[in-house]
Protein backbone atom coordinates (compact mmCIF):
# COMPACT_ATOMS: atom_id res chain seq x y z
CA MET A 1 0.00 0.00 0.00
CA PRO A 2 1.42 3.44 -0.92
CA LYS A 3 2.59 5.71 1.86
CA LEU A 4 0.39 8.61 2.96
CA ILE A 5 1.69 11.97 1.80
CA GLU A 6 1.56 13.30 5.36
CA ASP A 7 3.83 10.48 6.55
CA ALA A 8 6.37 11.24 3.83
CA ILE A 9 6.33 14.94 4.74
CA ARG A 10 6.92 14.12 8.41
CA GLU A 11 9.78 11.73 7.53
CA ARG A 12 11.57 13.84 4.93
CA LEU A 13 11.01 17.50 5.81
CA THR A 14 11.72 19.45 8.97
CA GLY A 15 10.90 22.74 10.67
CA GLU A 16 8.85 25.38 8.90
CA VAL A 17 9.08 23.53 5.58
CA GLN A 18 7.40 20.50 7.13
CA LYS A 19 4.78 22.61 8.92
CA ASP A 20 3.97 24.59 5.75
CA ALA A 21 3.67 21.45 3.61
CA LEU A 22 1.41 19.73 6.15
CA ASN A 23 -0.77 22.84 6.41
CA PHE A 24 -1.03 23.00 2.61
CA ILE A 25 -2.06 19.33 2.37
CA ALA A 26 -4.66 19.74 5.15
CA SER A 27 -6.03 22.93 3.58
CA THR A 28 -6.39 21.41 0.12
CA GLN A 29 -7.96 18.27 1.59
CA GLU A 30 -10.59 20.47 3.25
CA SER A 31 -11.29 21.85 -0.25
CA GLY A 32 -11.93 18.39 -1.72
CA PHE A 33 -8.43 17.24 -2.71
CA SER A 34 -6.95 13.85 -2.01
CA TYR A 35 -3.47 12.56 -2.76
CA VAL A 36 -3.22 9.09 -4.27
CA GLY A 37 0.17 7.42 -3.97
CA PHE A 38 1.49 5.98 -7.21
CA ASP A 39 4.38 3.91 -5.88
CA GLU A 40 5.08 1.72 -2.88
CA GLU A 41 8.11 3.75 -1.76
CA GLY A 42 6.00 6.84 -1.18
CA ASP A 43 7.84 9.06 -3.61
CA GLY A 44 4.88 10.50 -5.48
CA TRP A 45 1.17 11.25 -5.37
CA ASP A 46 -1.48 12.22 -7.89
CA PRO A 47 -3.54 15.20 -6.74
CA VAL A 48 -7.22 14.42 -7.22
CA HIS A 49 -10.07 16.85 -6.70
CA GLU A 50 -13.43 15.27 -6.01
CA ASN A 51 -12.45 12.12 -7.97
CA ARG A 52 -11.02 14.14 -10.89
CA ASN A 53 -7.29 13.96 -11.60
CA ILE A 54 -5.88 17.44 -12.21
CA HIS A 55 -3.01 16.15 -14.39
CA GLY A 56 -0.22 16.74 -11.96
CA CYS A 57 1.88 15.10 -9.31
CA VAL A 58 3.37 15.82 -5.92
CA LEU A 59 6.83 14.69 -4.88
CA VAL A 60 8.38 14.82 -1.43
CA ASN A 61 12.11 14.30 -1.32
CA ASP A 62 14.39 16.87 0.29
CA GLN A 63 11.72 19.47 -0.50
CA PHE A 64 8.01 19.68 -1.32
CA MET A 65 7.29 19.78 -5.06
CA PHE A 66 3.98 20.18 -6.89
CA PHE A 67 3.76 19.81 -10.69
CA VAL A 68 0.82 20.57 -12.98
CA GLY A 69 1.07 18.69 -16.26
CA ILE A 70 0.62 19.69 -19.85
CA ASP A 71 -2.78 17.95 -20.06
CA CYS A 72 -4.34 20.64 -17.90
CA GLN A 73 -6.47 22.96 -20.04
CA PHE A 74 -5.24 26.27 -18.65
CA ASP A 75 -7.01 28.54 -21.11
CA GLU A 76 -10.41 27.06 -20.27
CA ILE A 77 -10.04 28.67 -16.85
CA THR A 78 -11.78 32.01 -17.00
CA GLN A 79 -12.06 33.09 -13.35
CA LEU A 80 -8.46 33.92 -12.60
CA ASP A 81 -7.24 37.25 -11.29
CA ASP A 82 -4.03 38.89 -12.49
CA GLU A 83 -2.14 38.01 -9.29
CA LEU A 84 -2.78 34.28 -9.81
CA LYS A 85 -1.85 34.53 -13.49
CA GLU A 86 1.44 36.21 -12.59
CA PHE A 87 2.08 33.55 -9.96
CA ALA A 88 1.49 30.77 -12.51
CA TRP A 89 3.63 32.46 -15.16
CA SER A 90 6.48 32.87 -12.67
CA HIS A 91 6.42 29.09 -12.15
CA THR A 92 6.23 28.12 -15.83
CA THR A 93 9.19 25.96 -16.79
CA ILE A 94 10.72 26.70 -20.14
CA CYS A 95 12.63 23.99 -22.02
CA PRO A 96 15.17 22.96 -22.95
CA GLN A 97 16.54 22.34 -19.51
CA SER A 98 19.96 20.81 -19.19
CA VAL A 99 18.79 18.79 -16.17
CA CYS A 100 15.95 17.12 -18.07
CA LYS A 101 16.80 13.51 -18.89
CA PRO A 102 15.00 10.52 -20.48
CA PRO A 103 12.33 9.28 -20.42
CA TYR A 104 10.86 12.79 -20.59
CA CYS A 105 13.36 14.29 -22.99
CA GLN A 106 15.29 12.21 -25.48
CA GLY A 107 18.80 13.38 -26.33
CA ASP A 108 18.75 16.90 -27.74
CA ASN A 109 14.99 16.76 -28.33
CA HIS A 110 13.90 18.51 -25.18
CA SER A 111 10.23 19.31 -24.70
CA LYS A 112 8.96 21.42 -27.58
CA ASN A 113 5.47 21.98 -26.24
CA GLN A 114 4.00 25.15 -27.69
CA TYR A 115 1.52 26.01 -25.02
CA LYS A 116 -0.74 28.80 -23.86
CA ILE A 117 -1.06 29.34 -20.12
CA PHE A 118 -3.72 31.80 -19.04
CA GLY A 119 -3.39 33.77 -22.27
CA LYS A 120 0.41 33.86 -22.42
CA GLU A 121 2.01 31.84 -25.22
CA TYR A 122 5.15 29.77 -24.77
CA GLU A 123 7.21 28.26 -27.57
CA SER A 124 8.65 25.46 -25.46
CA THR A 125 7.43 24.36 -22.04
CA CYS A 126 8.32 21.34 -20.02
CA HIS A 127 5.97 18.33 -19.99
CA SER A 128 5.00 19.69 -16.53
CA PRO A 129 4.76 23.37 -17.43
CA LEU A 130 3.87 24.58 -13.92
CA GLN A 131 6.41 23.58 -11.30
CA PHE A 132 6.19 24.67 -7.68
CA ILE A 133 9.28 23.66 -5.75
CA GLY A 134 10.26 24.64 -2.21
CA LEU A 135 7.48 27.19 -1.69
CA ASP A 136 7.02 29.09 1.56
CA ALA A 137 3.65 29.35 3.34
CA ASP A 138 2.49 32.42 1.38
CA LYS A 139 3.28 30.86 -1.98
CA LEU A 140 1.67 27.56 -0.94
CA ASN A 141 -1.44 29.59 -0.17
CA MET A 142 -1.29 31.05 -3.69
CA LEU A 143 -0.87 27.54 -5.10
CA SER A 144 -3.94 26.43 -3.18
CA LYS A 145 -5.95 29.29 -4.73
CA LEU A 146 -4.63 28.43 -8.18
CA LEU A 147 -5.56 24.75 -7.78
CA LEU A 148 -9.09 25.68 -6.73
CA ALA A 149 -9.43 27.90 -9.80
CA ILE A 150 -8.21 25.05 -12.02
CA THR A 151 -10.71 22.61 -10.53
CA GLU A 152 -13.68 24.96 -10.76
CA ASN A 153 -13.82 24.49 -14.54
């Protein structure tokens, strides 16, 4: 049985980082999210909102990481204020990245995903265009608001 995300956070993170990640998980769970483990080691979870996968994943290693995948239909989301758009754009990952390795990127053929995120066009985004890594409490709160906006469509 996969490990609970809360257990992984308690085991792998400490101090304020641990507290902020646990608060984020609890807050999003109160808003209808669940986190479904996808491996026995407890390295990753699929974020699900009211039985609907939001096309992302959460990883807990030496930091808390939340990814929203390219299958998310960002431009179908109409109720998003400018502050949330700016937050999302500031966490959009542009490729090629030298750290990206197979199976996601093969050789020199890094992700070439032409994508539009909340009205802004990108020539080449990662397969997980929105990446939230090592956020503090305020930014995790922004992420929570962004996730709710994504799931309201």
